[in-house]
Amino acid sequence: GYHPNLAWLWLLVAILSVVLLGTGLAMLLSILSVHFIE
């Protein structure tokens, strides 16, 4: 019974945040792993 309303637009903030966070960590750890095997 949870039908769409305007509050669902806040989901875009959650998506933007998690994409930025995941991308940042992906770049950070991938470049560091080249130099540090640990």
All heavy atoms as atom14 arrays in JSON, in Angstrom:
{
  "sequence": "GYHPNLAWLWLLVAILSVVLLGTGLAMLLSILSVHFIE",
  "atom14_mask": [
    [1, 1, 1, 1, 0, 0, 0, 0, 0, 0, 0, 0, 0, 0],
    [1, 1, 1, 1, 1, 1, 1, 1, 1, 1, 1, 1, 0, 0],
    [1, 1, 1, 1, 1, 1, 1, 1, 1, 1, 0, 0, 0, 0],
    [1, 1, 1, 1, 1, 1, 1, 0, 0, 0, 0, 0, 0, 0],
    [1, 1, 1, 1, 1, 1, 1, 1, 0, 0, 0, 0, 0, 0],
    [1, 1, 1, 1, 1, 1, 1, 1, 0, 0, 0, 0, 0, 0],
    [1, 1, 1, 1, 1, 0, 0, 0, 0, 0, 0, 0, 0, 0],
    [1, 1, 1, 1, 1, 1, 1, 1, 1, 1, 1, 1, 1, 1],
    [1, 1, 1, 1, 1, 1, 1, 1, 0, 0, 0, 0, 0, 0],
    [1, 1, 1, 1, 1, 1, 1, 1, 1, 1, 1, 1, 1, 1],
    [1, 1, 1, 1, 1, 1, 1, 1, 0, 0, 0, 0, 0, 0],
    [1, 1, 1, 1, 1, 1, 1, 1, 0, 0, 0, 0, 0, 0],
    [1, 1, 1, 1, 1, 1, 1, 0, 0, 0, 0, 0, 0, 0],
    [1, 1, 1, 1, 1, 0, 0, 0, 0, 0, 0, 0, 0, 0],
    [1, 1, 1, 1, 1, 1, 1, 1, 0, 0, 0, 0, 0, 0],
    [1, 1, 1, 1, 1, 1, 1, 1, 0, 0, 0, 0, 0, 0],
    [1, 1, 1, 1, 1, 1, 0, 0, 0, 0, 0, 0, 0, 0],
    [1, 1, 1, 1, 1, 1, 1, 0, 0, 0, 0, 0, 0, 0],
    [1, 1, 1, 1, 1, 1, 1, 0, 0, 0, 0, 0, 0, 0],
    [1, 1, 1, 1, 1, 1, 1, 1, 0, 0, 0, 0, 0, 0],
    [1, 1, 1, 1, 1, 1, 1, 1, 0, 0, 0, 0, 0, 0],
    [1, 1, 1, 1, 0, 0, 0, 0, 0, 0, 0, 0, 0, 0],
    [1, 1, 1, 1, 1, 1, 1, 0, 0, 0, 0, 0, 0, 0],
    [1, 1, 1, 1, 0, 0, 0, 0, 0, 0, 0, 0, 0, 0],
    [1, 1, 1, 1, 1, 1, 1, 1, 0, 0, 0, 0, 0, 0],
    [1, 1, 1, 1, 1, 0, 0, 0, 0, 0, 0, 0, 0, 0],
    [1, 1, 1, 1, 1, 1, 1, 1, 0, 0, 0, 0, 0, 0],
    [1, 1, 1, 1, 1, 1, 1, 1, 0, 0, 0, 0, 0, 0],
    [1, 1, 1, 1, 1, 1, 1, 1, 0, 0, 0, 0, 0, 0],
    [1, 1, 1, 1, 1, 1, 0, 0, 0, 0, 0, 0, 0, 0],
    [1, 1, 1, 1, 1, 1, 1, 1, 0, 0, 0, 0, 0, 0],
    [1, 1, 1, 1, 1, 1, 1, 1, 0, 0, 0, 0, 0, 0],
    [1, 1, 1, 1, 1, 1, 0, 0, 0, 0, 0, 0, 0, 0],
    [1, 1, 1, 1, 1, 1, 1, 0, 0, 0, 0, 0, 0, 0],
    [1, 1, 1, 1, 1, 1, 1, 1, 1, 1, 0, 0, 0, 0],
    [1, 1, 1, 1, 1, 1, 1, 1, 1, 1, 1, 0, 0, 0],
    [1, 1, 1, 1, 1, 1, 1, 1, 0, 0, 0, 0, 0, 0],
    [1, 1, 1, 1, 1, 1, 1, 1, 1, 0, 0, 0, 0, 0]
  ],
  "atom14_positions": [
    [[0.78, -1.23, 0.0], [0.0, 0.0, 0.0], [0.81, 1.28, 0.0], [0.26, 2.35, 0.27], [0.0, 0.0, 0.0], [0.0, 0.0, 0.0], [0.0, 0.0, 0.0], [0.0, 0.0, 0.0], [0.0, 0.0, 0.0], [0.0, 0.0, 0.0], [0.0, 0.0, 0.0], [0.0, 0.0, 0.0], [0.0, 0.0, 0.0], [0.0, 0.0, 0.0]],
    [[2.09, 1.2, -0.34], [2.94, 2.39, -0.4], [2.98, 2.89, -1.85], [3.81, 2.44, -2.64], [4.35, 2.09, 0.11], [4.39, 1.8, 1.59], [4.22, 0.49, 2.07], [4.57, 2.82, 2.51], [4.25, 0.23, 3.42], [4.6, 2.56, 3.87], [4.43, 1.26, 4.32], [4.46, 1.0, 5.67], [0.0, 0.0, 0.0], [0.0, 0.0, 0.0]],
    [[2.08, 3.8, -2.16], [1.97, 4.29, -3.53], [2.83, 5.55, -3.7], [3.1, 6.27, -2.73], [0.51, 4.59, -3.86], [-0.37, 3.39, -3.76], [-0.37, 2.38, -4.69], [-1.28, 3.02, -2.81], [-1.23, 1.44, -4.35], [-1.8, 1.8, -3.2], [0.0, 0.0, 0.0], [0.0, 0.0, 0.0], [0.0, 0.0, 0.0], [0.0, 0.0, 0.0]],
    [[3.26, 5.83, -4.93], [4.16, 6.98, -5.16], [3.53, 8.3, -4.74], [2.34, 8.52, -4.92], [4.4, 6.93, -6.68], [4.11, 5.51, -7.07], [3.02, 5.06, -6.16], [0.0, 0.0, 0.0], [0.0, 0.0, 0.0], [0.0, 0.0, 0.0], [0.0, 0.0, 0.0], [0.0, 0.0, 0.0], [0.0, 0.0, 0.0], [0.0, 0.0, 0.0]],
    [[4.36, 9.16, -4.18], [3.98, 10.55, -3.92], [5.22, 11.41, -4.04], [6.3, 10.93, -4.37], [3.3, 10.7, -2.55], [4.25, 10.42, -1.4], [5.4, 10.03, -1.59], [3.76, 10.59, -0.19], [0.0, 0.0, 0.0], [0.0, 0.0, 0.0], [0.0, 0.0, 0.0], [0.0, 0.0, 0.0], [0.0, 0.0, 0.0], [0.0, 0.0, 0.0]],
    [[5.09, 12.7, -3.77], [6.22, 13.61, -3.98], [7.42, 13.29, -3.08], [8.56, 13.6, -3.44], [5.76, 15.06, -3.73], [4.82, 15.65, -4.78], [4.4, 17.07, -4.4], [5.48, 15.65, -6.16], [0.0, 0.0, 0.0], [0.0, 0.0, 0.0], [0.0, 0.0, 0.0], [0.0, 0.0, 0.0], [0.0, 0.0, 0.0], [0.0, 0.0, 0.0]],
    [[7.18, 12.68, -1.94], [8.29, 12.34, -1.03], [9.25, 11.35, -1.68], [10.42, 11.29, -1.3], [7.75, 11.77, 0.28], [0.0, 0.0, 0.0], [0.0, 0.0, 0.0], [0.0, 0.0, 0.0], [0.0, 0.0, 0.0], [0.0, 0.0, 0.0], [0.0, 0.0, 0.0], [0.0, 0.0, 0.0], [0.0, 0.0, 0.0], [0.0, 0.0, 0.0]],
    [[8.76, 10.59, -2.66], [9.63, 9.63, -3.34], [10.79, 10.31, -4.06], [11.8, 9.68, -4.34], [8.82, 8.79, -4.33], [8.06, 7.68, -3.68], [7.54, 7.67, -2.42], [7.72, 6.42, -4.26], [6.9, 6.48, -2.17], [6.98, 5.69, -3.28], [7.93, 5.85, -5.5], [6.5, 4.41, -3.53], [7.45, 4.56, -5.75], [6.74, 3.86, -4.77]],
    [[10.63, 11.59, -4.36], [11.72, 12.31, -5.03], [12.98, 12.38, -4.17], [14.08, 12.54, -4.7], [11.26, 13.72, -5.39], [10.15, 13.82, -6.45], [9.72, 15.28, -6.64], [10.62, 13.23, -7.78], [0.0, 0.0, 0.0], [0.0, 0.0, 0.0], [0.0, 0.0, 0.0], [0.0, 0.0, 0.0], [0.0, 0.0, 0.0], [0.0, 0.0, 0.0]],
    [[12.81, 12.27, -2.86], [13.98, 12.25, -1.98], [14.85, 11.03, -2.22], [16.03, 11.01, -1.84], [13.56, 12.31, -0.51], [13.12, 13.68, -0.09], [11.84, 14.12, 0.1], [13.97, 14.79, 0.2], [11.84, 15.43, 0.48], [13.13, 15.87, 0.56], [15.35, 14.98, 0.2], [13.63, 17.12, 0.9], [15.86, 16.22, 0.54], [15.01, 17.27, 0.9]],
    [[14.29, 10.01, -2.86], [15.1, 8.84, -3.21], [16.25, 9.22, -4.12], [17.32, 8.59, -4.09], [14.22, 7.78, -3.88], [14.92, 6.47, -4.27], [15.44, 5.75, -3.03], [13.97, 5.57, -5.05], [0.0, 0.0, 0.0], [0.0, 0.0, 0.0], [0.0, 0.0, 0.0], [0.0, 0.0, 0.0], [0.0, 0.0, 0.0], [0.0, 0.0, 0.0]],
    [[16.05, 10.26, -4.94], [17.12, 10.71, -5.83], [18.34, 11.19, -5.04], [19.48, 11.03, -5.48], [16.61, 11.83, -6.74], [15.46, 11.45, -7.69], [14.99, 12.68, -8.46], [15.89, 10.34, -8.64], [0.0, 0.0, 0.0], [0.0, 0.0, 0.0], [0.0, 0.0, 0.0], [0.0, 0.0, 0.0], [0.0, 0.0, 0.0], [0.0, 0.0, 0.0]],
    [[18.09, 11.79, -3.88], [19.19, 12.24, -3.02], [19.96, 11.03, -2.51], [21.2, 11.03, -2.48], [18.66, 13.09, -1.86], [19.8, 13.49, -0.92], [17.95, 14.33, -2.38], [0.0, 0.0, 0.0], [0.0, 0.0, 0.0], [0.0, 0.0, 0.0], [0.0, 0.0, 0.0], [0.0, 0.0, 0.0], [0.0, 0.0, 0.0], [0.0, 0.0, 0.0]],
    [[19.25, 9.99, -2.11], [19.9, 8.77, -1.63], [20.71, 8.12, -2.75], [21.85, 7.68, -2.54], [18.86, 7.79, -1.09], [0.0, 0.0, 0.0], [0.0, 0.0, 0.0], [0.0, 0.0, 0.0], [0.0, 0.0, 0.0], [0.0, 0.0, 0.0], [0.0, 0.0, 0.0], [0.0, 0.0, 0.0], [0.0, 0.0, 0.0], [0.0, 0.0, 0.0]],
    [[20.14, 8.08, -3.96], [20.85, 7.47, -5.09], [22.08, 8.27, -5.44], [23.18, 7.71, -5.65], [19.9, 7.35, -6.3], [18.78, 6.35, -6.0], [20.67, 6.94, -7.55], [17.72, 6.27, -7.08], [0.0, 0.0, 0.0], [0.0, 0.0, 0.0], [0.0, 0.0, 0.0], [0.0, 0.0, 0.0], [0.0, 0.0, 0.0], [0.0, 0.0, 0.0]],
    [[21.95, 9.59, -5.53], [23.1, 10.44, -5.83], [24.19, 10.25, -4.79], [25.38, 10.12, -5.13], [22.66, 11.91, -5.89], [23.79, 12.94, -6.05], [24.5, 12.75, -7.38], [23.24, 14.36, -5.93], [0.0, 0.0, 0.0], [0.0, 0.0, 0.0], [0.0, 0.0, 0.0], [0.0, 0.0, 0.0], [0.0, 0.0, 0.0], [0.0, 0.0, 0.0]],
    [[23.83, 10.22, -3.54], [24.81, 10.09, -2.46], [25.54, 8.76, -2.53], [26.77, 8.7, -2.43], [24.12, 10.23, -1.1], [23.52, 11.5, -0.96], [0.0, 0.0, 0.0], [0.0, 0.0, 0.0], [0.0, 0.0, 0.0], [0.0, 0.0, 0.0], [0.0, 0.0, 0.0], [0.0, 0.0, 0.0], [0.0, 0.0, 0.0], [0.0, 0.0, 0.0]],
    [[24.79, 7.67, -2.71], [25.44, 6.36, -2.71], [26.29, 6.17, -3.97], [27.34, 5.5, -3.93], [24.39, 5.23, -2.56], [23.65, 4.95, -3.86], [25.05, 3.95, -2.05], [0.0, 0.0, 0.0], [0.0, 0.0, 0.0], [0.0, 0.0, 0.0], [0.0, 0.0, 0.0], [0.0, 0.0, 0.0], [0.0, 0.0, 0.0], [0.0, 0.0, 0.0]],
    [[25.9, 6.76, -5.09], [26.71, 6.67, -6.3], [28.02, 7.44, -6.12], [29.1, 6.96, -6.49], [25.93, 7.18, -7.52], [26.85, 7.34, -8.73], [24.79, 6.22, -7.86], [0.0, 0.0, 0.0], [0.0, 0.0, 0.0], [0.0, 0.0, 0.0], [0.0, 0.0, 0.0], [0.0, 0.0, 0.0], [0.0, 0.0, 0.0], [0.0, 0.0, 0.0]],
    [[27.94, 8.64, -5.56], [29.15, 9.41, -5.3], [30.06, 8.68, -4.31], [31.28, 8.6, -4.51], [28.79, 10.79, -4.75], [28.23, 11.81, -5.73], [27.81, 13.07, -4.98], [29.26, 12.16, -6.8], [0.0, 0.0, 0.0], [0.0, 0.0, 0.0], [0.0, 0.0, 0.0], [0.0, 0.0, 0.0], [0.0, 0.0, 0.0], [0.0, 0.0, 0.0]],
    [[29.48, 8.14, -3.25], [30.26, 7.44, -2.24], [30.9, 6.18, -2.82], [32.1, 5.93, -2.62], [29.36, 7.08, -1.06], [30.02, 6.4, 0.13], [31.11, 7.28, 0.73], [28.97, 6.05, 1.2], [0.0, 0.0, 0.0], [0.0, 0.0, 0.0], [0.0, 0.0, 0.0], [0.0, 0.0, 0.0], [0.0, 0.0, 0.0], [0.0, 0.0, 0.0]],
    [[30.12, 5.39, -3.55], [30.65, 4.17, -4.14], [31.72, 4.44, -5.19], [32.74, 3.75, -5.25], [0.0, 0.0, 0.0], [0.0, 0.0, 0.0], [0.0, 0.0, 0.0], [0.0, 0.0, 0.0], [0.0, 0.0, 0.0], [0.0, 0.0, 0.0], [0.0, 0.0, 0.0], [0.0, 0.0, 0.0], [0.0, 0.0, 0.0], [0.0, 0.0, 0.0]],
    [[31.5, 5.47, -6.0], [32.49, 5.82, -7.03], [33.78, 6.33, -6.4], [34.88, 5.97, -6.83], [31.92, 6.89, -7.97], [30.69, 6.41, -8.55], [32.89, 7.2, -9.1], [0.0, 0.0, 0.0], [0.0, 0.0, 0.0], [0.0, 0.0, 0.0], [0.0, 0.0, 0.0], [0.0, 0.0, 0.0], [0.0, 0.0, 0.0], [0.0, 0.0, 0.0]],
    [[33.65, 7.18, -5.4], [34.84, 7.7, -4.73], [35.66, 6.6, -4.08], [36.89, 6.57, -4.22], [0.0, 0.0, 0.0], [0.0, 0.0, 0.0], [0.0, 0.0, 0.0], [0.0, 0.0, 0.0], [0.0, 0.0, 0.0], [0.0, 0.0, 0.0], [0.0, 0.0, 0.0], [0.0, 0.0, 0.0], [0.0, 0.0, 0.0], [0.0, 0.0, 0.0]],
    [[34.99, 5.7, -3.37], [35.71, 4.59, -2.74], [36.3, 3.65, -3.78], [37.4, 3.12, -3.59], [34.76, 3.81, -1.82], [34.36, 4.52, -0.52], [33.27, 3.72, 0.21], [35.58, 4.69, 0.38], [0.0, 0.0, 0.0], [0.0, 0.0, 0.0], [0.0, 0.0, 0.0], [0.0, 0.0, 0.0], [0.0, 0.0, 0.0], [0.0, 0.0, 0.0]],
    [[35.59, 3.43, -4.88], [36.1, 2.57, -5.93], [37.39, 3.12, -6.51], [38.37, 2.39, -6.71], [35.05, 2.41, -7.03], [0.0, 0.0, 0.0], [0.0, 0.0, 0.0], [0.0, 0.0, 0.0], [0.0, 0.0, 0.0], [0.0, 0.0, 0.0], [0.0, 0.0, 0.0], [0.0, 0.0, 0.0], [0.0, 0.0, 0.0], [0.0, 0.0, 0.0]],
    [[37.42, 4.42, -6.79], [38.64, 5.03, -7.33], [39.75, 5.03, -6.3], [40.92, 4.73, -6.61], [38.33, 6.45, -7.81], [37.46, 6.51, -9.03], [37.33, 8.15, -9.78], [36.35, 8.99, -8.54], [0.0, 0.0, 0.0], [0.0, 0.0, 0.0], [0.0, 0.0, 0.0], [0.0, 0.0, 0.0], [0.0, 0.0, 0.0], [0.0, 0.0, 0.0]],
    [[39.41, 5.35, -5.07], [40.41, 5.44, -4.0], [41.07, 4.09, -3.74], [42.31, 3.97, -3.72], [39.73, 5.95, -2.72], [40.63, 6.31, -1.54], [41.48, 7.52, -1.86], [39.79, 6.57, -0.3], [0.0, 0.0, 0.0], [0.0, 0.0, 0.0], [0.0, 0.0, 0.0], [0.0, 0.0, 0.0], [0.0, 0.0, 0.0], [0.0, 0.0, 0.0]],
    [[40.28, 3.06, -3.58], [40.83, 1.75, -3.23], [41.48, 1.06, -4.42], [42.47, 0.33, -4.25], [39.72, 0.86, -2.65], [39.13, 1.36, -1.32], [37.93, 0.52, -0.92], [40.19, 1.32, -0.23], [0.0, 0.0, 0.0], [0.0, 0.0, 0.0], [0.0, 0.0, 0.0], [0.0, 0.0, 0.0], [0.0, 0.0, 0.0], [0.0, 0.0, 0.0]],
    [[40.94, 1.27, -5.62], [41.53, 0.62, -6.8], [42.93, 1.16, -7.09], [43.83, 0.39, -7.44], [40.62, 0.81, -8.02], [40.46, 2.19, -8.33], [0.0, 0.0, 0.0], [0.0, 0.0, 0.0], [0.0, 0.0, 0.0], [0.0, 0.0, 0.0], [0.0, 0.0, 0.0], [0.0, 0.0, 0.0], [0.0, 0.0, 0.0], [0.0, 0.0, 0.0]],
    [[43.13, 2.46, -6.93], [44.46, 3.02, -7.19], [45.43, 2.67, -6.06], [46.62, 2.44, -6.29], [44.37, 4.56, -7.4], [45.64, 5.08, -8.03], [44.06, 5.26, -6.11], [45.85, 4.7, -9.45], [0.0, 0.0, 0.0], [0.0, 0.0, 0.0], [0.0, 0.0, 0.0], [0.0, 0.0, 0.0], [0.0, 0.0, 0.0], [0.0, 0.0, 0.0]],
    [[44.94, 2.61, -4.83], [45.8, 2.25, -3.71], [46.22, 0.79, -3.77], [47.35, 0.44, -3.38], [45.1, 2.53, -2.38], [44.96, 4.0, -1.98], [44.15, 4.12, -0.68], [46.33, 4.65, -1.8], [0.0, 0.0, 0.0], [0.0, 0.0, 0.0], [0.0, 0.0, 0.0], [0.0, 0.0, 0.0], [0.0, 0.0, 0.0], [0.0, 0.0, 0.0]],
    [[45.34, -0.09, -4.27], [45.66, -1.51, -4.31], [46.78, -1.81, -5.29], [47.43, -2.86, -5.19], [44.41, -2.32, -4.68], [44.04, -2.09, -6.03], [0.0, 0.0, 0.0], [0.0, 0.0, 0.0], [0.0, 0.0, 0.0], [0.0, 0.0, 0.0], [0.0, 0.0, 0.0], [0.0, 0.0, 0.0], [0.0, 0.0, 0.0], [0.0, 0.0, 0.0]],
    [[47.02, -0.92, -6.24], [48.15, -1.1, -7.17], [49.47, -0.99, -6.42], [50.45, -1.68, -6.74], [48.07, -0.05, -8.31], [49.31, -0.12, -9.19], [46.82, -0.28, -9.14], [0.0, 0.0, 0.0], [0.0, 0.0, 0.0], [0.0, 0.0, 0.0], [0.0, 0.0, 0.0], [0.0, 0.0, 0.0], [0.0, 0.0, 0.0], [0.0, 0.0, 0.0]],
    [[49.51, -0.14, -5.41], [50.74, 0.11, -4.66], [50.81, -0.69, -3.36], [51.92, -0.92, -2.85], [50.85, 1.6, -4.35], [50.88, 2.47, -5.57], [52.03, 2.76, -6.25], [49.88, 3.1, -6.24], [51.76, 3.54, -7.28], [50.46, 3.76, -7.29], [0.0, 0.0, 0.0], [0.0, 0.0, 0.0], [0.0, 0.0, 0.0], [0.0, 0.0, 0.0]],
    [[49.66, -1.08, -2.81], [49.64, -1.79, -1.53], [48.77, -3.03, -1.66], [47.55, -2.92, -1.76], [49.11, -0.89, -0.41], [49.85, 0.42, -0.27], [49.32, 1.59, -0.81], [51.08, 0.47, 0.38], [49.99, 2.79, -0.69], [51.76, 1.67, 0.5], [51.22, 2.83, -0.03], [0.0, 0.0, 0.0], [0.0, 0.0, 0.0], [0.0, 0.0, 0.0]],
    [[49.38, -4.19, -1.64], [48.64, -5.44, -1.83], [47.72, -5.74, -0.67], [46.77, -6.52, -0.78], [49.65, -6.61, -2.05], [48.92, -7.81, -2.64], [50.36, -6.95, -0.75], [49.85, -8.93, -3.07], [0.0, 0.0, 0.0], [0.0, 0.0, 0.0], [0.0, 0.0, 0.0], [0.0, 0.0, 0.0], [0.0, 0.0, 0.0], [0.0, 0.0, 0.0]],
    [[47.98, -5.09, 0.48], [47.16, -5.34, 1.66], [45.77, -4.71, 1.56], [44.9, -4.96, 2.42], [47.86, -4.79, 2.91], [49.21, -5.42, 3.22], [50.36, -4.78, 2.45], [50.08, -3.81, 1.68], [51.5, -5.23, 2.6], [0.0, 0.0, 0.0], [0.0, 0.0, 0.0], [0.0, 0.0, 0.0], [0.0, 0.0, 0.0], [0.0, 0.0, 0.0]]
  ]
}
